[in-house]
Amino acid sequence: MATRIDKEACREAYNLVRDDNTDITWASFKYEGSTIVPAGHGTDYAEFKSQCTDDARLFGFVRIQTGDAMSKRAKFTLITWIGENISGLQRAKISTDKTLVKDVIQNFAKEFMVSDIRELEEDYIRNELKKAGGANYDAQAE
């Protein structure tokens, strides 16, 4: 059966993360049967990370505060999590299903495909986003 996405519900969660007037910093999207639906959202990155278990496959849209002494800004990332216990067929399918997610989540600085929990460390994600962000003025005196 072809995978579908609940566009309206997923777009709502996506917009919560993008909204500067909320404290929401992440939203996750999971499979419910053959439909991708919102799995939750929150303000604590550790809460998002706790959903990334060995038997889960999900997408995450995360806001991370980056910047340097000269400027602070929000950067967004799309994370595809594939747990260790996910079958080969489901692993292969997630790549094509990601196009459905990208119809909703269109603005992000960097994309990650992760199956090792260590690669989900917040500092690692932040540093990768910082590299993707261009100019870095950290070395300059304030």
N, C-alpha and C. Protein backbone atom coordinates (compact mmCIF):
# COMPACT_ATOMS: atom_id res chain seq x y z
N MET A 1 0.83 -1.19 0.00
CA MET A 1 0.00 0.00 0.00
C MET A 1 0.88 1.25 0.00
N ALA A 2 0.54 2.21 -0.80
CA ALA A 2 1.32 3.44 -0.92
C ALA A 2 1.21 4.28 0.36
N THR A 3 2.30 4.87 0.72
CA THR A 3 2.33 5.73 1.91
C THR A 3 1.66 7.06 1.59
N ARG A 4 0.90 7.55 2.57
CA ARG A 4 0.26 8.86 2.47
C ARG A 4 0.75 9.71 3.62
N ILE A 5 0.43 10.99 3.59
CA ILE A 5 0.78 11.90 4.69
C ILE A 5 -0.44 12.76 5.02
N ASP A 6 -0.65 12.97 6.31
CA ASP A 6 -1.71 13.87 6.75
C ASP A 6 -1.12 15.28 6.67
N LYS A 7 -1.24 15.89 5.49
CA LYS A 7 -0.58 17.18 5.22
C LYS A 7 -1.00 18.28 6.19
N GLU A 8 -2.29 18.39 6.45
CA GLU A 8 -2.76 19.48 7.32
C GLU A 8 -2.21 19.36 8.73
N ALA A 9 -2.30 18.18 9.31
CA ALA A 9 -1.81 17.97 10.68
C ALA A 9 -0.29 18.14 10.74
N CYS A 10 0.42 17.63 9.75
CA CYS A 10 1.88 17.76 9.73
C CYS A 10 2.29 19.22 9.51
N ARG A 11 1.56 19.93 8.66
CA ARG A 11 1.87 21.34 8.42
C ARG A 11 1.67 22.16 9.69
N GLU A 12 0.64 21.83 10.46
CA GLU A 12 0.39 22.51 11.73
C GLU A 12 1.58 22.36 12.68
N ALA A 13 2.07 21.14 12.81
CA ALA A 13 3.22 20.86 13.68
C ALA A 13 4.47 21.58 13.16
N TYR A 14 4.68 21.55 11.87
CA TYR A 14 5.81 22.23 11.22
C TYR A 14 5.77 23.73 11.53
N ASN A 15 4.59 24.32 11.38
CA ASN A 15 4.44 25.76 11.63
C ASN A 15 4.66 26.13 13.09
N LEU A 16 4.33 25.23 14.01
CA LEU A 16 4.60 25.49 15.43
C LEU A 16 6.10 25.66 15.68
N VAL A 17 6.89 24.82 15.05
CA VAL A 17 8.35 24.88 15.22
C VAL A 17 8.90 26.15 14.57
N ARG A 18 8.37 26.53 13.43
CA ARG A 18 8.86 27.71 12.71
C ARG A 18 8.43 29.02 13.35
N ASP A 19 7.37 29.01 14.15
CA ASP A 19 6.80 30.21 14.74
C ASP A 19 7.70 30.77 15.85
N ASP A 20 8.19 31.99 15.66
CA ASP A 20 9.06 32.63 16.65
C ASP A 20 8.32 32.97 17.94
N ASN A 21 7.00 32.92 17.92
CA ASN A 21 6.21 33.28 19.10
C ASN A 21 5.87 32.09 19.98
N THR A 22 6.40 30.91 19.67
CA THR A 22 6.20 29.74 20.52
C THR A 22 7.55 29.25 21.02
N ASP A 23 7.52 28.45 22.07
CA ASP A 23 8.74 27.85 22.59
C ASP A 23 9.01 26.47 21.98
N ILE A 24 8.12 26.04 21.09
CA ILE A 24 8.24 24.71 20.48
C ILE A 24 9.50 24.66 19.62
N THR A 25 10.37 23.68 19.88
CA THR A 25 11.63 23.58 19.14
C THR A 25 11.74 22.32 18.29
N TRP A 26 10.76 21.42 18.42
CA TRP A 26 10.82 20.22 17.59
C TRP A 26 9.42 19.65 17.38
N ALA A 27 9.30 18.95 16.27
CA ALA A 27 8.09 18.18 15.97
C ALA A 27 8.56 16.88 15.33
N SER A 28 7.87 15.80 15.65
CA SER A 28 8.23 14.52 15.04
C SER A 28 7.03 13.97 14.29
N PHE A 29 7.34 13.13 13.32
CA PHE A 29 6.33 12.57 12.43
C PHE A 29 6.59 11.08 12.31
N LYS A 30 5.56 10.27 12.54
CA LYS A 30 5.73 8.82 12.55
C LYS A 30 4.76 8.16 11.58
N TYR A 31 4.95 6.88 11.42
CA TYR A 31 4.06 6.07 10.59
C TYR A 31 2.93 5.53 11.46
N GLU A 32 1.72 5.76 11.01
CA GLU A 32 0.55 5.14 11.61
C GLU A 32 -0.07 4.32 10.49
N GLY A 33 0.24 3.03 10.48
CA GLY A 33 -0.12 2.21 9.33
C GLY A 33 0.69 2.68 8.13
N SER A 34 0.00 3.08 7.08
CA SER A 34 0.71 3.57 5.89
C SER A 34 0.59 5.09 5.74
N THR A 35 0.26 5.77 6.85
CA THR A 35 0.12 7.23 6.82
C THR A 35 1.13 7.87 7.77
N ILE A 36 1.78 8.92 7.30
CA ILE A 36 2.70 9.69 8.15
C ILE A 36 1.88 10.76 8.85
N VAL A 37 1.98 10.77 10.18
CA VAL A 37 1.21 11.69 11.02
C VAL A 37 2.13 12.33 12.05
N PRO A 38 1.72 13.46 12.65
CA PRO A 38 2.52 14.04 13.73
C PRO A 38 2.60 13.07 14.92
N ALA A 39 3.79 12.97 15.50
CA ALA A 39 3.98 12.07 16.65
C ALA A 39 4.13 12.87 17.94
N GLY A 40 4.28 14.18 17.81
CA GLY A 40 4.44 15.01 19.00
C GLY A 40 5.30 16.22 18.70
N HIS A 41 5.36 17.11 19.67
CA HIS A 41 6.22 18.29 19.57
C HIS A 41 6.54 18.74 20.99
N GLY A 42 7.56 19.57 21.12
CA GLY A 42 7.93 20.01 22.46
C GLY A 42 9.04 21.04 22.46
N THR A 43 9.53 21.30 23.66
CA THR A 43 10.54 22.33 23.86
C THR A 43 11.90 21.76 24.26
N ASP A 44 11.95 20.48 24.60
CA ASP A 44 13.18 19.86 25.09
C ASP A 44 13.70 18.86 24.05
N TYR A 45 14.89 19.12 23.54
CA TYR A 45 15.47 18.26 22.51
C TYR A 45 15.61 16.82 23.00
N ALA A 46 15.91 16.64 24.26
CA ALA A 46 16.05 15.29 24.82
C ALA A 46 14.75 14.50 24.68
N GLU A 47 13.64 15.19 24.75
CA GLU A 47 12.33 14.56 24.59
C GLU A 47 12.19 14.02 23.16
N PHE A 48 12.62 14.82 22.18
CA PHE A 48 12.60 14.35 20.79
C PHE A 48 13.51 13.13 20.65
N LYS A 49 14.70 13.25 21.18
CA LYS A 49 15.70 12.19 21.04
C LYS A 49 15.21 10.88 21.67
N SER A 50 14.42 10.97 22.73
CA SER A 50 13.93 9.76 23.40
C SER A 50 12.98 8.95 22.51
N GLN A 51 12.42 9.57 21.49
CA GLN A 51 11.54 8.85 20.55
C GLN A 51 12.33 8.01 19.56
N CYS A 52 13.60 8.29 19.44
CA CYS A 52 14.45 7.62 18.46
C CYS A 52 14.99 6.32 19.05
N THR A 53 14.18 5.29 19.00
CA THR A 53 14.52 3.99 19.56
C THR A 53 14.91 3.03 18.44
N ASP A 54 15.42 1.87 18.83
CA ASP A 54 15.88 0.87 17.85
C ASP A 54 14.77 0.35 16.95
N ASP A 55 13.52 0.41 17.42
CA ASP A 55 12.43 -0.12 16.60
C ASP A 55 11.55 0.97 16.01
N ALA A 56 12.08 2.18 15.92
CA ALA A 56 11.30 3.31 15.39
C ALA A 56 11.91 3.81 14.08
N ARG A 57 11.02 4.32 13.24
CA ARG A 57 11.44 5.09 12.07
C ARG A 57 10.56 6.32 12.07
N LEU A 58 11.20 7.47 12.03
CA LEU A 58 10.45 8.71 12.10
C LEU A 58 11.23 9.86 11.49
N PHE A 59 10.52 10.96 11.32
CA PHE A 59 11.12 12.19 10.81
C PHE A 59 11.01 13.24 11.91
N GLY A 60 12.02 14.07 12.02
CA GLY A 60 11.98 15.15 13.01
C GLY A 60 12.31 16.47 12.35
N PHE A 61 11.61 17.50 12.75
CA PHE A 61 11.90 18.86 12.30
C PHE A 61 12.29 19.63 13.55
N VAL A 62 13.54 20.12 13.60
CA VAL A 62 14.10 20.68 14.82
C VAL A 62 14.64 22.08 14.60
N ARG A 63 14.34 22.97 15.55
CA ARG A 63 14.88 24.33 15.56
C ARG A 63 16.04 24.35 16.56
N ILE A 64 17.18 24.85 16.09
CA ILE A 64 18.35 24.97 16.96
C ILE A 64 18.87 26.39 16.87
N GLN A 65 19.12 26.97 18.02
CA GLN A 65 19.66 28.33 18.08
C GLN A 65 21.15 28.26 17.76
N THR A 66 21.56 28.98 16.73
CA THR A 66 22.98 29.02 16.36
C THR A 66 23.41 30.48 16.32
N GLY A 67 24.62 30.66 15.93
CA GLY A 67 25.13 32.02 15.80
C GLY A 67 26.45 32.16 16.53
N ASP A 68 26.83 33.37 16.66
CA ASP A 68 28.11 33.67 17.25
C ASP A 68 28.00 35.00 17.99
N ALA A 69 29.12 35.59 18.31
CA ALA A 69 29.11 36.85 19.05
C ALA A 69 28.41 37.97 18.28
N MET A 70 28.42 37.88 16.94
CA MET A 70 27.86 38.95 16.12
C MET A 70 26.36 38.79 15.87
N SER A 71 25.87 37.55 15.83
CA SER A 71 24.45 37.37 15.55
C SER A 71 23.96 36.00 16.02
N LYS A 72 22.75 35.98 16.50
CA LYS A 72 22.08 34.74 16.90
C LYS A 72 20.92 34.52 15.94
N ARG A 73 20.70 33.26 15.57
CA ARG A 73 19.59 32.98 14.67
C ARG A 73 19.14 31.53 14.83
N ALA A 74 17.90 31.31 14.46
CA ALA A 74 17.35 29.95 14.50
C ALA A 74 17.68 29.26 13.19
N LYS A 75 18.13 28.04 13.29
CA LYS A 75 18.37 27.19 12.12
C LYS A 75 17.50 25.96 12.27
N PHE A 76 17.08 25.42 11.15
CA PHE A 76 16.17 24.28 11.16
C PHE A 76 16.81 23.10 10.46
N THR A 77 16.49 21.92 10.95
CA THR A 77 17.02 20.71 10.36
C THR A 77 15.92 19.65 10.22
N LEU A 78 16.06 18.85 9.20
CA LEU A 78 15.18 17.70 9.01
C LEU A 78 15.99 16.46 9.33
N ILE A 79 15.50 15.68 10.29
CA ILE A 79 16.20 14.47 10.72
C ILE A 79 15.35 13.26 10.37
N THR A 80 15.95 12.32 9.68
CA THR A 80 15.30 11.05 9.40
C THR A 80 15.96 10.02 10.30
N TRP A 81 15.17 9.41 11.18
CA TRP A 81 15.69 8.41 12.11
C TRP A 81 15.23 7.03 11.65
N ILE A 82 16.20 6.11 11.55
CA ILE A 82 15.90 4.72 11.21
C ILE A 82 16.58 3.86 12.27
N GLY A 83 15.76 3.27 13.15
CA GLY A 83 16.29 2.43 14.23
C GLY A 83 16.95 1.17 13.71
N GLU A 84 17.80 0.59 14.55
CA GLU A 84 18.56 -0.59 14.17
C GLU A 84 17.70 -1.80 13.82
N ASN A 85 16.53 -1.91 14.44
CA ASN A 85 15.68 -3.08 14.24
C ASN A 85 14.66 -2.93 13.11
N ILE A 86 14.82 -1.90 12.29
CA ILE A 86 13.90 -1.67 11.17
C ILE A 86 14.30 -2.58 10.01
N SER A 87 13.32 -3.24 9.39
CA SER A 87 13.58 -4.18 8.31
C SER A 87 14.15 -3.48 7.08
N GLY A 88 14.78 -4.25 6.24
CA GLY A 88 15.38 -3.71 5.01
C GLY A 88 14.36 -3.06 4.10
N LEU A 89 13.18 -3.65 3.99
CA LEU A 89 12.13 -3.09 3.15
C LEU A 89 11.68 -1.72 3.68
N GLN A 90 11.48 -1.62 5.00
CA GLN A 90 11.07 -0.35 5.60
C GLN A 90 12.18 0.69 5.48
N ARG A 91 13.43 0.27 5.59
CA ARG A 91 14.57 1.19 5.40
C ARG A 91 14.56 1.78 4.00
N ALA A 92 14.35 0.91 3.02
CA ALA A 92 14.35 1.36 1.63
C ALA A 92 13.17 2.29 1.36
N LYS A 93 12.04 1.99 1.93
CA LYS A 93 10.82 2.76 1.70
C LYS A 93 10.90 4.17 2.30
N ILE A 94 11.65 4.33 3.37
CA ILE A 94 11.70 5.64 4.05
C ILE A 94 12.31 6.71 3.14
N SER A 95 13.22 6.30 2.27
CA SER A 95 13.83 7.28 1.35
C SER A 95 12.80 7.86 0.38
N THR A 96 11.94 7.02 -0.15
CA THR A 96 10.92 7.54 -1.07
C THR A 96 9.81 8.26 -0.29
N ASP A 97 9.51 7.78 0.91
CA ASP A 97 8.48 8.44 1.73
C ASP A 97 8.91 9.84 2.17
N LYS A 98 10.20 10.05 2.23
CA LYS A 98 10.71 11.35 2.65
C LYS A 98 10.25 12.47 1.71
N THR A 99 10.00 12.14 0.46
CA THR A 99 9.53 13.17 -0.47
C THR A 99 8.16 13.70 -0.04
N LEU A 100 7.33 12.85 0.55
CA LEU A 100 6.04 13.30 1.07
C LEU A 100 6.23 14.29 2.21
N VAL A 101 7.19 13.99 3.07
CA VAL A 101 7.49 14.86 4.21
C VAL A 101 8.04 16.20 3.72
N LYS A 102 8.87 16.13 2.69
CA LYS A 102 9.46 17.36 2.16
C LYS A 102 8.45 18.24 1.43
N ASP A 103 7.30 17.70 1.08
CA ASP A 103 6.22 18.53 0.54
C ASP A 103 5.69 19.48 1.61
N VAL A 104 5.80 19.07 2.87
CA VAL A 104 5.32 19.87 4.00
C VAL A 104 6.48 20.66 4.61
N ILE A 105 7.57 19.98 4.88
CA ILE A 105 8.74 20.61 5.52
C ILE A 105 9.68 21.05 4.41
N GLN A 106 9.59 22.32 4.06
CA GLN A 106 10.34 22.79 2.90
C GLN A 106 11.54 23.66 3.25
N ASN A 107 11.59 24.20 4.44
CA ASN A 107 12.67 25.12 4.79
C ASN A 107 13.52 24.57 5.92
N PHE A 108 14.72 24.14 5.57
CA PHE A 108 15.67 23.68 6.58
C PHE A 108 17.08 23.87 6.03
N ALA A 109 18.02 24.07 6.94
CA ALA A 109 19.40 24.36 6.54
C ALA A 109 20.18 23.10 6.22
N LYS A 110 19.86 22.01 6.91
CA LYS A 110 20.63 20.78 6.73
C LYS A 110 19.73 19.59 7.04
N GLU A 111 20.03 18.51 6.35
CA GLU A 111 19.27 17.28 6.51
C GLU A 111 20.18 16.18 7.03
N PHE A 112 19.66 15.38 7.95
CA PHE A 112 20.43 14.27 8.51
C PHE A 112 19.64 12.98 8.34
N MET A 113 20.34 11.89 8.00
CA MET A 113 19.74 10.56 8.03
C MET A 113 20.57 9.79 9.06
N VAL A 114 19.91 9.38 10.14
CA VAL A 114 20.62 8.86 11.30
C VAL A 114 20.06 7.51 11.74
N SER A 115 20.97 6.61 12.11
CA SER A 115 20.54 5.36 12.74
C SER A 115 21.40 5.04 13.96
N ASP A 116 22.33 5.93 14.28
CA ASP A 116 23.17 5.79 15.47
C ASP A 116 22.82 6.93 16.43
N ILE A 117 22.36 6.60 17.61
CA ILE A 117 21.88 7.58 18.57
C ILE A 117 22.95 8.63 18.89
N ARG A 118 24.22 8.26 18.79
CA ARG A 118 25.31 9.22 19.08
C ARG A 118 25.32 10.38 18.10
N GLU A 119 24.84 10.13 16.88
CA GLU A 119 24.79 11.19 15.87
C GLU A 119 23.64 12.17 16.12
N LEU A 120 22.83 11.89 17.12
CA LEU A 120 21.73 12.78 17.47
C LEU A 120 22.09 13.73 18.62
N GLU A 121 23.34 13.70 19.06
CA GLU A 121 23.75 14.61 20.13
C GLU A 121 23.48 16.05 19.68
N GLU A 122 22.88 16.82 20.56
CA GLU A 122 22.49 18.19 20.20
C GLU A 122 23.68 19.05 19.79
N ASP A 123 24.81 18.89 20.47
CA ASP A 123 25.99 19.68 20.12
C ASP A 123 26.51 19.33 18.73
N TYR A 124 26.45 18.06 18.36
CA TYR A 124 26.87 17.63 17.02
C TYR A 124 25.97 18.28 15.96
N ILE A 125 24.65 18.21 16.18
CA ILE A 125 23.70 18.80 15.23
C ILE A 125 23.94 20.31 15.14
N ARG A 126 24.12 20.97 16.27
CA ARG A 126 24.35 22.42 16.29
C ARG A 126 25.62 22.78 15.51
N ASN A 127 26.69 22.03 15.73
CA ASN A 127 27.95 22.31 15.03
C ASN A 127 27.82 22.11 13.52
N GLU A 128 27.09 21.08 13.11
CA GLU A 128 26.87 20.85 11.68
C GLU A 128 26.04 21.99 11.07
N LEU A 129 25.04 22.45 11.80
CA LEU A 129 24.23 23.56 11.32
C LEU A 129 25.06 24.84 11.25
N LYS A 130 25.94 25.01 12.20
CA LYS A 130 26.80 26.19 12.21
C LYS A 130 27.72 26.20 10.98
N LYS A 131 28.26 25.03 10.66
CA LYS A 131 29.11 24.91 9.47
C LYS A 131 28.32 25.26 8.21
N ALA A 132 27.06 24.84 8.17
CA ALA A 132 26.22 25.08 6.99
C ALA A 132 25.77 26.53 6.92
N GLY A 133 25.98 27.29 8.01
CA GLY A 133 25.44 28.64 8.11
C GLY A 133 26.29 29.73 7.50
N GLY A 134 27.49 29.42 7.07
CA GLY A 134 28.30 30.47 6.45
C GLY A 134 29.25 31.13 7.43
N ALA A 135 29.28 32.47 7.42
CA ALA A 135 30.23 33.26 8.19
C ALA A 135 30.21 32.90 9.68
N ASN A 136 31.39 32.84 10.26
CA ASN A 136 31.54 32.53 11.68
C ASN A 136 32.47 33.57 12.28
N TYR A 137 31.94 34.37 13.18
CA TYR A 137 32.70 35.46 13.78
C TYR A 137 33.17 35.15 15.19
N ASP A 138 33.09 33.89 15.62
CA ASP A 138 33.46 33.52 16.98
C ASP A 138 34.89 33.91 17.33
N ALA A 139 35.78 33.87 16.39
CA ALA A 139 37.19 34.14 16.67
C ALA A 139 37.46 35.62 16.91
N GLN A 140 36.53 36.49 16.53
CA GLN A 140 36.75 37.92 16.70
C GLN A 140 36.43 38.35 18.13
N ALA A 141 37.11 39.38 18.58
CA ALA A 141 36.86 39.92 19.92
C ALA A 141 35.51 40.65 19.92
N GLU A 142 34.84 40.57 21.06
CA GLU A 142 33.55 41.26 21.17
C GLU A 142 33.74 42.73 21.46
